[in-house]
Amino acid sequence: IRRCVDDYQMIEEDDAIAVGVSGGKDSLVLLTALARLREFYPVPFTVEAFTLDMGAAEGRPGMDFSPIAQLCREMEVPYTILGSEIQHIIFDVRKEKNPCSMCAKMRRGALHDTAKELGCNKLALGHHKDDAVETFIMNLFDQGRIGCFSPVSYLSRKDLTVIRPLFFVDEADVIGFWHKYQLPVAKSPCPADGHTRREYSKQLLRQLNLENPGVKNRMFTAILNAELSDWPDRIIPARH
């Protein structure tokens, strides 16, 4: 994470960084890592966590965020929970057959707005290396284009910078960190969980990597070397 933050100059002096915490392993590992990095990073920055409660679809329980609140208290990170009716709207009102696109758009807008309302100039999201390669596969197969989300994105309309400090981290290491530190991961209540196009890409990547050991890392290297137009320059400092 430190290498990624340095290479893409993700953190600057006096940044106020909001971490969107879904309750999943990725966002909890990101939150914990940034809270620790804050203690020794060369420039001062602050971390604030928030959860967008997606609500619950009919017949499904909501989520208990109290263990996350306790973790934030232990790490001395301010924590806010915001209510929404996103799941109810998508599954009960609109009855979307392909809910992921609309959900992502609604969630993204709410995350951006909340980060600004909290007085933060940066929003940290928990996408890791496997997510990047899966997104690459989805763009290639579904849209016929070479593309992937950027490690750093400046949203001029919101005056907000989105950073992804886990970009160099394998999902296996995220899982290892989660288990080692017993982070309070909550299972997603989403009715579509485990049945999405992303889940298909995840399983496909896993199979490809089993049949062609190392292919995931080679695909990730191809993404880094693709010189995608909307990506920032990567400045690699001398390491000792």
Protein backbone atom coordinates (compact mmCIF):
# COMPACT_ATOMS: atom_id res chain seq x y z
CA ILE A 1 0.00 0.00 0.00
CA ARG A 2 2.82 2.39 0.84
CA ARG A 3 4.44 1.68 -2.54
CA CYS A 4 1.18 2.37 -4.38
CA VAL A 5 0.53 5.57 -2.41
CA ASP A 6 4.04 6.82 -3.17
CA ASP A 7 4.13 5.81 -6.85
CA TYR A 8 0.87 7.59 -7.64
CA GLN A 9 1.32 10.41 -5.08
CA MET A 10 -2.06 9.58 -3.58
CA ILE A 11 -1.59 11.38 -0.28
CA GLU A 12 -0.51 14.99 0.14
CA GLU A 13 0.02 17.13 3.19
CA ASP A 14 -3.13 17.77 5.26
CA ASP A 15 -5.35 15.60 3.09
CA ALA A 16 -8.66 14.64 4.68
CA ILE A 17 -9.41 11.14 3.42
CA ALA A 18 -12.86 9.58 3.63
CA VAL A 19 -12.97 5.78 3.50
CA GLY A 20 -16.17 4.22 2.23
CA VAL A 21 -16.69 1.17 4.45
CA SER A 22 -19.19 -1.35 3.11
CA GLY A 23 -18.55 -3.95 5.80
CA GLY A 24 -16.71 -6.20 3.36
CA LYS A 25 -13.12 -7.36 3.76
CA ASP A 26 -11.62 -4.97 1.19
CA SER A 27 -12.91 -1.74 2.73
CA LEU A 28 -12.08 -2.88 6.29
CA VAL A 29 -8.52 -3.79 5.33
CA LEU A 30 -8.16 -0.43 3.56
CA LEU A 31 -9.49 1.46 6.59
CA THR A 32 -7.16 -0.37 8.98
CA ALA A 33 -4.15 0.14 6.72
CA LEU A 34 -4.74 3.89 6.27
CA ALA A 35 -5.33 4.34 10.00
CA ARG A 36 -1.93 2.71 10.64
CA LEU A 37 -0.17 4.52 7.78
CA ARG A 38 -1.36 7.82 9.26
CA GLU A 39 0.90 7.17 12.26
CA PHE A 40 4.20 7.22 10.38
CA TYR A 41 3.67 8.64 6.88
CA PRO A 42 6.04 11.56 6.10
CA VAL A 43 3.19 14.05 5.62
CA PRO A 44 0.24 14.46 8.00
CA PHE A 45 -3.25 13.42 6.90
CA THR A 46 -6.53 12.50 8.54
CA VAL A 47 -8.84 9.52 8.02
CA GLU A 48 -12.61 9.44 8.44
CA ALA A 49 -14.82 6.39 7.84
CA PHE A 50 -18.42 6.24 6.73
CA THR A 51 -20.89 3.56 5.72
CA LEU A 52 -23.69 3.98 3.25
CA ASP A 53 -26.38 1.67 4.63
CA MET A 54 -27.99 0.26 1.50
CA GLY A 55 -31.16 -0.62 3.35
CA ALA A 56 -32.72 -4.03 2.83
CA ALA A 57 -34.88 -5.63 0.16
CA GLU A 58 -38.13 -7.20 1.28
CA GLY A 59 -37.65 -10.44 3.21
CA ARG A 60 -33.93 -9.89 3.83
CA PRO A 61 -32.29 -8.64 7.03
CA GLY A 62 -30.27 -5.43 7.20
CA MET A 63 -26.67 -5.21 8.39
CA ASP A 64 -25.33 -4.67 11.90
CA PHE A 65 -22.59 -2.03 11.77
CA SER A 66 -21.85 -1.92 15.52
CA PRO A 67 -18.67 -4.08 15.22
CA ILE A 68 -17.33 -1.63 12.61
CA ALA A 69 -18.14 1.30 14.89
CA GLN A 70 -16.21 -0.42 17.68
CA LEU A 71 -13.21 -0.98 15.40
CA CYS A 72 -13.22 2.71 14.45
CA ARG A 73 -13.30 3.74 18.11
CA GLU A 74 -10.29 1.52 18.80
CA MET A 75 -8.37 3.11 15.92
CA GLU A 76 -9.55 6.63 16.80
CA VAL A 77 -11.20 7.12 13.41
CA PRO A 78 -14.46 9.14 13.23
CA TYR A 79 -17.29 6.98 11.86
CA THR A 80 -20.64 7.92 10.32
CA ILE A 81 -23.53 5.71 9.16
CA LEU A 82 -25.86 7.13 6.51
CA GLY A 83 -29.21 5.58 5.68
CA SER A 84 -30.53 4.95 2.17
CA GLU A 85 -33.25 3.01 0.38
CA ILE A 86 -31.08 1.88 -2.54
CA GLN A 87 -31.79 -1.85 -2.22
CA HIS A 88 -35.52 -1.27 -1.73
CA ILE A 89 -35.70 0.98 -4.79
CA ILE A 90 -33.76 -1.39 -7.04
CA PHE A 91 -35.22 -4.73 -5.99
CA ASP A 92 -38.70 -3.96 -4.64
CA VAL A 93 -39.79 -0.83 -6.53
CA ARG A 94 -38.05 -1.08 -9.90
CA LYS A 95 -37.54 -4.89 -9.75
CA GLU A 96 -34.36 -4.60 -11.84
CA LYS A 97 -33.35 -7.83 -13.57
CA ASN A 98 -29.78 -6.54 -14.00
CA PRO A 99 -29.38 -4.45 -10.85
CA CYS A 100 -25.62 -3.97 -10.63
CA SER A 101 -25.23 -1.04 -13.03
CA MET A 102 -27.92 1.09 -11.44
CA CYS A 103 -26.81 0.15 -7.93
CA ALA A 104 -23.22 1.13 -8.72
CA LYS A 105 -24.33 4.48 -10.16
CA MET A 106 -26.55 5.32 -7.16
CA ARG A 107 -23.93 4.18 -4.68
CA ARG A 108 -21.14 6.08 -6.41
CA GLY A 109 -23.07 9.33 -6.35
CA ALA A 110 -23.91 8.90 -2.67
CA LEU A 111 -20.28 8.12 -1.79
CA HIS A 112 -18.99 11.20 -3.60
CA ASP A 113 -21.58 13.50 -2.02
CA THR A 114 -20.97 12.14 1.47
CA ALA A 115 -17.20 12.53 1.25
CA LYS A 116 -17.68 16.21 0.38
CA GLU A 117 -20.27 16.69 3.15
CA LEU A 118 -17.76 15.31 5.65
CA GLY A 119 -15.27 17.97 4.56
CA CYS A 120 -12.89 15.50 2.89
CA ASN A 121 -10.96 16.23 -0.28
CA LYS A 122 -10.22 12.58 -1.08
CA LEU A 123 -12.26 9.38 -1.11
CA ALA A 124 -10.46 6.04 -0.68
CA LEU A 125 -12.03 2.93 -2.19
CA GLY A 126 -11.05 -0.69 -1.55
CA HIS A 127 -10.42 -1.99 -5.08
CA HIS A 128 -7.42 -4.36 -5.21
CA LYS A 129 -5.33 -6.00 -7.94
CA ASP A 130 -7.83 -8.80 -8.62
CA ASP A 131 -10.63 -6.24 -9.00
CA ALA A 132 -8.54 -4.39 -11.58
CA VAL A 133 -7.94 -7.51 -13.69
CA GLU A 134 -11.59 -8.57 -13.39
CA THR A 135 -12.66 -5.11 -14.58
CA PHE A 136 -10.22 -5.40 -17.49
CA ILE A 137 -11.82 -8.76 -18.44
CA MET A 138 -15.36 -7.34 -18.17
CA ASN A 139 -14.52 -4.35 -20.35
CA LEU A 140 -12.86 -6.57 -22.94
CA PHE A 141 -15.62 -9.20 -23.08
CA ASP A 142 -18.71 -7.03 -22.59
CA GLN A 143 -17.75 -3.72 -24.23
CA GLY A 144 -14.94 -4.63 -26.61
CA ARG A 145 -12.53 -2.09 -25.17
CA ILE A 146 -9.26 -1.97 -23.24
CA GLY A 147 -9.92 -0.24 -19.95
CA CYS A 148 -9.71 -0.35 -16.17
CA PHE A 149 -10.44 2.03 -13.30
CA SER A 150 -7.57 4.36 -12.44
CA PRO A 151 -5.55 4.25 -9.19
CA VAL A 152 -6.23 8.00 -8.89
CA SER A 153 -9.14 9.93 -10.43
CA TYR A 154 -9.93 13.63 -10.05
CA LEU A 155 -13.63 14.42 -10.31
CA SER A 156 -13.73 18.05 -11.42
CA ARG A 157 -17.51 18.39 -10.98
CA LYS A 158 -17.21 17.38 -7.33
CA ASP A 159 -13.70 18.75 -6.72
CA LEU A 160 -12.93 15.35 -5.22
CA THR A 161 -10.05 12.92 -5.79
CA VAL A 162 -10.74 9.18 -5.66
CA ILE A 163 -7.79 7.00 -4.63
CA ARG A 164 -7.38 3.21 -4.55
CA PRO A 165 -4.45 2.40 -2.22
CA LEU A 166 -5.00 -1.40 -2.46
CA PHE A 167 -4.34 -1.33 -6.21
CA PHE A 168 -1.10 -3.35 -5.94
CA VAL A 169 -2.47 -5.81 -3.35
CA ASP A 170 -3.56 -9.36 -4.26
CA GLU A 171 -6.97 -10.42 -2.96
CA ALA A 172 -5.28 -13.38 -1.26
CA ASP A 173 -3.25 -10.94 0.86
CA VAL A 174 -6.39 -8.96 1.69
CA ILE A 175 -7.99 -12.20 2.92
CA GLY A 176 -4.87 -13.07 4.91
CA PHE A 177 -4.85 -9.65 6.58
CA TRP A 178 -8.56 -9.92 7.40
CA HIS A 179 -8.08 -13.30 9.11
CA LYS A 180 -4.86 -12.34 10.90
CA TYR A 181 -6.41 -9.26 12.52
CA GLN A 182 -9.94 -10.74 12.81
CA LEU A 183 -11.63 -7.75 11.21
CA PRO A 184 -15.44 -7.63 11.68
CA VAL A 185 -16.48 -8.48 8.13
CA ALA A 186 -20.24 -8.57 7.52
CA LYS A 187 -21.89 -10.65 4.79
CA SER A 188 -23.55 -8.59 2.09
CA PRO A 189 -27.38 -8.65 2.25
CA CYS A 190 -27.64 -7.91 -1.47
CA PRO A 191 -30.01 -10.38 -3.21
CA ALA A 192 -27.69 -10.45 -6.23
CA ASP A 193 -24.56 -11.25 -4.18
CA GLY A 194 -22.62 -14.10 -5.81
CA HIS A 195 -24.69 -14.01 -9.03
CA THR A 196 -23.22 -11.04 -10.87
CA ARG A 197 -21.15 -10.50 -14.00
CA ARG A 198 -18.23 -9.61 -11.74
CA GLU A 199 -18.54 -12.94 -9.94
CA TYR A 200 -18.38 -14.66 -13.34
CA SER A 201 -15.21 -12.72 -14.17
CA LYS A 202 -13.72 -13.61 -10.79
CA GLN A 203 -14.29 -17.33 -11.35
CA LEU A 204 -12.98 -17.07 -14.91
CA LEU A 205 -9.80 -15.34 -13.74
CA ARG A 206 -9.31 -17.98 -11.05
CA GLN A 207 -9.61 -20.77 -13.62
CA LEU A 208 -7.28 -19.01 -16.07
CA ASN A 209 -4.67 -18.58 -13.35
CA LEU A 210 -4.92 -22.25 -12.38
CA GLU A 211 -4.40 -23.36 -15.98
CA ASN A 212 -1.78 -20.70 -16.72
CA PRO A 213 0.13 -19.96 -13.48
CA GLY A 214 1.04 -16.29 -13.21
CA VAL A 215 -1.38 -15.08 -15.89
CA LYS A 216 -3.17 -12.75 -13.47
CA ASN A 217 0.05 -10.88 -12.69
CA ARG A 218 0.95 -10.72 -16.38
CA MET A 219 -2.47 -9.25 -17.18
CA PHE A 220 -2.01 -6.72 -14.39
CA THR A 221 1.39 -5.75 -15.82
CA ALA A 222 -0.26 -5.29 -19.22
CA ILE A 223 -2.78 -2.91 -17.61
CA LEU A 224 0.03 -0.88 -16.01
CA ASN A 225 1.92 -0.73 -19.33
CA ALA A 226 -1.12 0.12 -21.47
CA GLU A 227 -0.72 3.90 -21.00
CA LEU A 228 -4.45 4.39 -20.56
CA SER A 229 -5.38 7.97 -21.37
CA ASP A 230 -7.24 8.80 -18.14
CA TRP A 231 -4.53 7.52 -15.80
CA PRO A 232 -2.06 9.69 -13.85
CA ASP A 233 1.66 9.38 -14.39
CA ARG A 234 3.36 6.83 -12.17
CA ILE A 235 6.43 8.26 -10.48
CA ILE A 236 8.56 5.47 -9.08
CA PRO A 237 10.94 6.80 -6.39
CA ALA A 238 14.28 5.20 -5.60
CA ARG A 239 13.85 2.42 -3.04
CA HIS A 240 16.44 1.34 -0.54
